[in-house]
Amino acid sequence: MKFLGRAFRYIAWFVFAAAIAWLLKRIFASAARQQTVAANTRARVSPAPSPKLLYRDPVCGSYIAEEISHPWEQGSETLHFCSRECLEHYRAGDRIAAGA
């Protein structure tokens, strides 16, 4: 009788452990699926930012975005400078050329 009771107890623990393992497997698989769907959704929702147009400084040659440049209109053309110093240097060169 002890043998049957012990065998029944082992079988019950085995079934219990198998049920817990099955439940954990389903939980982790569901979480992985949700994470994959969220990653794919994020990738589709946020497109890559468009590149900004850069202008070349005529004095030092560096490239500068329009938002942070120092613009100078010369005739129908707008020049963009990286700093106030480059703008002043260019204007001084224009004055010298105009006086010559």
N, C-alpha and C. Protein backbone atom coordinates (compact mmCIF):
# COMPACT_ATOMS: atom_id res chain seq x y z
N MET A 1 0.80 -1.18 0.00
CA MET A 1 0.00 0.00 0.00
C MET A 1 0.86 1.27 0.00
N LYS A 2 1.98 1.21 0.74
CA LYS A 2 2.88 2.35 0.76
C LYS A 2 3.43 2.64 -0.64
N PHE A 3 3.69 1.58 -1.37
CA PHE A 3 4.24 1.75 -2.71
C PHE A 3 3.27 2.50 -3.62
N LEU A 4 1.99 2.12 -3.59
CA LEU A 4 1.00 2.80 -4.43
C LEU A 4 0.81 4.26 -4.02
N GLY A 5 0.83 4.52 -2.75
CA GLY A 5 0.69 5.89 -2.26
C GLY A 5 1.88 6.75 -2.71
N ARG A 6 3.07 6.18 -2.60
CA ARG A 6 4.28 6.90 -3.02
C ARG A 6 4.27 7.12 -4.54
N ALA A 7 3.89 6.11 -5.31
CA ALA A 7 3.83 6.24 -6.77
C ALA A 7 2.80 7.31 -7.17
N PHE A 8 1.65 7.32 -6.50
CA PHE A 8 0.63 8.31 -6.78
C PHE A 8 1.14 9.72 -6.45
N ARG A 9 1.87 9.87 -5.36
CA ARG A 9 2.42 11.17 -4.98
C ARG A 9 3.44 11.65 -6.03
N TYR A 10 4.31 10.77 -6.51
CA TYR A 10 5.28 11.15 -7.55
C TYR A 10 4.58 11.58 -8.84
N ILE A 11 3.56 10.83 -9.21
CA ILE A 11 2.81 11.17 -10.42
C ILE A 11 2.11 12.52 -10.25
N ALA A 12 1.55 12.77 -9.08
CA ALA A 12 0.87 14.05 -8.83
C ALA A 12 1.86 15.21 -8.90
N TRP A 13 3.03 15.05 -8.30
CA TRP A 13 4.05 16.11 -8.37
C TRP A 13 4.55 16.32 -9.80
N PHE A 14 4.68 15.26 -10.53
CA PHE A 14 5.11 15.38 -11.92
C PHE A 14 4.09 16.15 -12.74
N VAL A 15 2.81 15.83 -12.58
CA VAL A 15 1.74 16.53 -13.30
C VAL A 15 1.72 18.00 -12.88
N PHE A 16 1.88 18.27 -11.59
CA PHE A 16 1.90 19.64 -11.09
C PHE A 16 3.08 20.42 -11.68
N ALA A 17 4.27 19.83 -11.69
CA ALA A 17 5.45 20.49 -12.24
C ALA A 17 5.29 20.71 -13.75
N ALA A 18 4.72 19.75 -14.46
CA ALA A 18 4.51 19.90 -15.90
C ALA A 18 3.51 21.03 -16.18
N ALA A 19 2.48 21.13 -15.35
CA ALA A 19 1.50 22.21 -15.54
C ALA A 19 2.14 23.58 -15.29
N ILE A 20 2.97 23.69 -14.27
CA ILE A 20 3.67 24.95 -14.00
C ILE A 20 4.61 25.29 -15.15
N ALA A 21 5.35 24.33 -15.66
CA ALA A 21 6.26 24.56 -16.78
C ALA A 21 5.48 25.00 -18.02
N TRP A 22 4.35 24.37 -18.30
CA TRP A 22 3.53 24.74 -19.45
C TRP A 22 3.01 26.17 -19.30
N LEU A 23 2.57 26.52 -18.09
CA LEU A 23 2.06 27.87 -17.83
C LEU A 23 3.15 28.92 -18.00
N LEU A 24 4.35 28.68 -17.48
CA LEU A 24 5.46 29.61 -17.63
C LEU A 24 5.86 29.77 -19.10
N LYS A 25 5.86 28.68 -19.84
CA LYS A 25 6.20 28.74 -21.25
C LYS A 25 5.21 29.62 -22.00
N ARG A 26 3.93 29.50 -21.71
CA ARG A 26 2.91 30.32 -22.37
C ARG A 26 3.06 31.80 -22.01
N ILE A 27 3.38 32.08 -20.76
CA ILE A 27 3.55 33.47 -20.32
C ILE A 27 4.73 34.11 -21.03
N PHE A 28 5.87 33.43 -21.07
CA PHE A 28 7.06 33.98 -21.73
C PHE A 28 6.87 34.10 -23.24
N ALA A 29 6.19 33.16 -23.87
CA ALA A 29 5.94 33.23 -25.30
C ALA A 29 5.01 34.40 -25.62
N SER A 30 4.02 34.62 -24.79
CA SER A 30 3.11 35.75 -24.99
C SER A 30 3.83 37.08 -24.83
N ALA A 31 4.70 37.17 -23.82
CA ALA A 31 5.46 38.41 -23.61
C ALA A 31 6.41 38.66 -24.79
N ALA A 32 7.04 37.63 -25.30
CA ALA A 32 7.95 37.79 -26.44
C ALA A 32 7.19 38.24 -27.68
N ARG A 33 6.00 37.69 -27.90
CA ARG A 33 5.18 38.09 -29.04
C ARG A 33 4.78 39.56 -28.93
N GLN A 34 4.37 39.99 -27.73
CA GLN A 34 3.97 41.38 -27.54
C GLN A 34 5.16 42.32 -27.75
N GLN A 35 6.32 41.91 -27.30
CA GLN A 35 7.52 42.74 -27.47
C GLN A 35 7.88 42.86 -28.95
N THR A 36 7.75 41.79 -29.70
CA THR A 36 8.04 41.81 -31.13
C THR A 36 7.04 42.70 -31.87
N VAL A 37 5.77 42.60 -31.52
CA VAL A 37 4.75 43.44 -32.15
C VAL A 37 5.00 44.90 -31.82
N ALA A 38 5.37 45.20 -30.57
CA ALA A 38 5.64 46.59 -30.18
C ALA A 38 6.85 47.13 -30.93
N ALA A 39 7.89 46.32 -31.10
CA ALA A 39 9.08 46.77 -31.83
C ALA A 39 8.75 47.03 -33.29
N ASN A 40 7.95 46.17 -33.91
CA ASN A 40 7.56 46.37 -35.30
C ASN A 40 6.67 47.60 -35.46
N THR A 41 5.81 47.84 -34.49
CA THR A 41 4.93 49.00 -34.54
C THR A 41 5.74 50.28 -34.42
N ARG A 42 6.69 50.30 -33.51
CA ARG A 42 7.54 51.49 -33.35
C ARG A 42 8.31 51.76 -34.63
N ALA A 43 8.79 50.73 -35.29
CA ALA A 43 9.59 50.92 -36.50
C ALA A 43 8.73 51.49 -37.62
N ARG A 44 7.47 51.10 -37.69
CA ARG A 44 6.61 51.60 -38.75
C ARG A 44 6.09 53.01 -38.44
N VAL A 45 5.94 53.34 -37.18
CA VAL A 45 5.34 54.62 -36.83
C VAL A 45 6.33 55.77 -36.96
N SER A 46 7.56 55.57 -36.54
CA SER A 46 8.52 56.67 -36.55
C SER A 46 9.45 56.57 -37.76
N PRO A 47 9.20 57.35 -38.81
CA PRO A 47 10.07 57.32 -39.98
C PRO A 47 11.38 58.03 -39.69
N ALA A 48 12.35 57.79 -40.52
CA ALA A 48 13.66 58.43 -40.36
C ALA A 48 13.52 59.93 -40.62
N PRO A 49 14.23 60.72 -39.84
CA PRO A 49 14.15 62.17 -40.06
C PRO A 49 14.75 62.56 -41.40
N SER A 50 14.17 63.58 -42.01
CA SER A 50 14.69 64.01 -43.30
C SER A 50 15.98 64.81 -43.09
N PRO A 51 16.93 64.70 -44.00
CA PRO A 51 18.19 65.42 -43.85
C PRO A 51 17.99 66.93 -44.00
N LYS A 52 18.78 67.68 -43.24
CA LYS A 52 18.69 69.14 -43.31
C LYS A 52 19.65 69.66 -44.36
N LEU A 53 19.27 70.77 -44.96
CA LEU A 53 20.09 71.41 -45.96
C LEU A 53 21.18 72.22 -45.27
N LEU A 54 22.42 72.03 -45.68
CA LEU A 54 23.55 72.76 -45.10
C LEU A 54 24.10 73.74 -46.12
N TYR A 55 24.56 74.87 -45.62
CA TYR A 55 25.14 75.91 -46.48
C TYR A 55 26.62 76.04 -46.16
N ARG A 56 27.41 76.33 -47.18
CA ARG A 56 28.85 76.46 -46.99
C ARG A 56 29.21 77.91 -46.71
N ASP A 57 29.97 78.12 -45.66
CA ASP A 57 30.45 79.45 -45.29
C ASP A 57 31.49 79.88 -46.32
N PRO A 58 31.31 81.04 -46.98
CA PRO A 58 32.27 81.44 -48.02
C PRO A 58 33.63 81.87 -47.46
N VAL A 59 33.74 82.13 -46.18
CA VAL A 59 35.01 82.58 -45.60
C VAL A 59 35.85 81.39 -45.15
N CYS A 60 35.31 80.60 -44.22
CA CYS A 60 36.12 79.52 -43.65
C CYS A 60 35.83 78.15 -44.27
N GLY A 61 34.72 78.02 -45.03
CA GLY A 61 34.43 76.77 -45.72
C GLY A 61 33.66 75.75 -44.90
N SER A 62 33.30 76.08 -43.66
CA SER A 62 32.54 75.11 -42.86
C SER A 62 31.08 75.08 -43.32
N TYR A 63 30.41 73.99 -43.01
CA TYR A 63 29.02 73.83 -43.39
C TYR A 63 28.15 74.14 -42.18
N ILE A 64 27.04 74.86 -42.43
CA ILE A 64 26.20 75.33 -41.34
C ILE A 64 24.73 75.18 -41.73
N ALA A 65 23.89 74.84 -40.74
CA ALA A 65 22.45 74.75 -40.97
C ALA A 65 21.85 76.15 -40.98
N GLU A 66 20.76 76.30 -41.72
CA GLU A 66 20.14 77.61 -41.87
C GLU A 66 19.63 78.16 -40.54
N GLU A 67 19.18 77.29 -39.64
CA GLU A 67 18.60 77.73 -38.37
C GLU A 67 19.62 78.42 -37.47
N ILE A 68 20.89 78.06 -37.56
CA ILE A 68 21.89 78.64 -36.67
C ILE A 68 22.91 79.50 -37.40
N SER A 69 22.66 79.76 -38.68
CA SER A 69 23.63 80.55 -39.45
C SER A 69 23.38 82.05 -39.26
N HIS A 70 24.34 82.83 -39.72
CA HIS A 70 24.24 84.29 -39.76
C HIS A 70 24.07 84.67 -41.23
N PRO A 71 22.81 84.93 -41.64
CA PRO A 71 22.58 85.19 -43.07
C PRO A 71 22.98 86.61 -43.48
N TRP A 72 23.37 86.73 -44.74
CA TRP A 72 23.72 88.03 -45.32
C TRP A 72 23.21 88.03 -46.74
N GLU A 73 22.37 88.99 -47.05
CA GLU A 73 21.80 89.08 -48.39
C GLU A 73 22.67 89.99 -49.24
N GLN A 74 23.06 89.45 -50.38
CA GLN A 74 23.90 90.19 -51.32
C GLN A 74 23.23 90.10 -52.68
N GLY A 75 22.53 91.14 -53.04
CA GLY A 75 21.77 91.12 -54.30
C GLY A 75 20.59 90.18 -54.15
N SER A 76 20.48 89.22 -55.03
CA SER A 76 19.40 88.24 -54.95
C SER A 76 19.85 86.95 -54.26
N GLU A 77 21.08 86.92 -53.80
CA GLU A 77 21.65 85.73 -53.18
C GLU A 77 21.76 85.91 -51.67
N THR A 78 21.49 84.86 -50.93
CA THR A 78 21.65 84.88 -49.48
C THR A 78 22.82 83.99 -49.11
N LEU A 79 23.79 84.57 -48.43
CA LEU A 79 24.96 83.81 -47.96
C LEU A 79 24.77 83.49 -46.48
N HIS A 80 25.25 82.34 -46.07
CA HIS A 80 25.13 81.90 -44.68
C HIS A 80 26.52 81.75 -44.10
N PHE A 81 26.73 82.33 -42.92
CA PHE A 81 28.03 82.29 -42.25
C PHE A 81 27.91 81.54 -40.93
N CYS A 82 29.02 80.89 -40.54
CA CYS A 82 29.00 80.09 -39.32
C CYS A 82 29.10 80.96 -38.07
N SER A 83 29.69 82.13 -38.17
CA SER A 83 29.84 82.99 -37.00
C SER A 83 29.77 84.45 -37.41
N ARG A 84 29.64 85.29 -36.42
CA ARG A 84 29.61 86.73 -36.66
C ARG A 84 30.96 87.21 -37.18
N GLU A 85 32.04 86.57 -36.72
CA GLU A 85 33.38 86.95 -37.17
C GLU A 85 33.56 86.71 -38.68
N CYS A 86 33.08 85.56 -39.15
CA CYS A 86 33.19 85.26 -40.58
C CYS A 86 32.35 86.25 -41.40
N LEU A 87 31.18 86.60 -40.89
CA LEU A 87 30.35 87.58 -41.58
C LEU A 87 31.05 88.93 -41.66
N GLU A 88 31.62 89.38 -40.56
CA GLU A 88 32.33 90.67 -40.55
C GLU A 88 33.57 90.63 -41.46
N HIS A 89 34.26 89.52 -41.48
CA HIS A 89 35.43 89.36 -42.34
C HIS A 89 35.02 89.47 -43.81
N TYR A 90 33.91 88.83 -44.18
CA TYR A 90 33.41 88.90 -45.55
C TYR A 90 32.98 90.32 -45.90
N ARG A 91 32.27 90.98 -45.00
CA ARG A 91 31.82 92.35 -45.26
C ARG A 91 33.01 93.31 -45.40
N ALA A 92 34.05 93.10 -44.59
CA ALA A 92 35.25 93.94 -44.69
C ALA A 92 35.92 93.73 -46.03
N GLY A 93 35.96 92.51 -46.51
CA GLY A 93 36.53 92.22 -47.83
C GLY A 93 35.73 92.86 -48.94
N ASP A 94 34.41 92.90 -48.80
CA ASP A 94 33.54 93.57 -49.78
C ASP A 94 33.82 95.07 -49.81
N ARG A 95 34.01 95.66 -48.64
CA ARG A 95 34.27 97.10 -48.58
C ARG A 95 35.59 97.45 -49.24
N ILE A 96 36.58 96.59 -49.01
CA ILE A 96 37.91 96.83 -49.63
C ILE A 96 37.78 96.72 -51.15
N ALA A 97 37.06 95.68 -51.61
CA ALA A 97 36.90 95.49 -53.05
C ALA A 97 36.07 96.61 -53.67
N ALA A 98 35.09 97.14 -52.95
CA ALA A 98 34.26 98.21 -53.49
C ALA A 98 35.05 99.52 -53.56
N GLY A 99 36.00 99.72 -52.65
CA GLY A 99 36.78 100.95 -52.65
C GLY A 99 37.89 100.93 -53.67
N ALA A 100 38.26 99.79 -54.17
CA ALA A 100 39.40 99.70 -55.10
C ALA A 100 39.01 100.02 -56.51
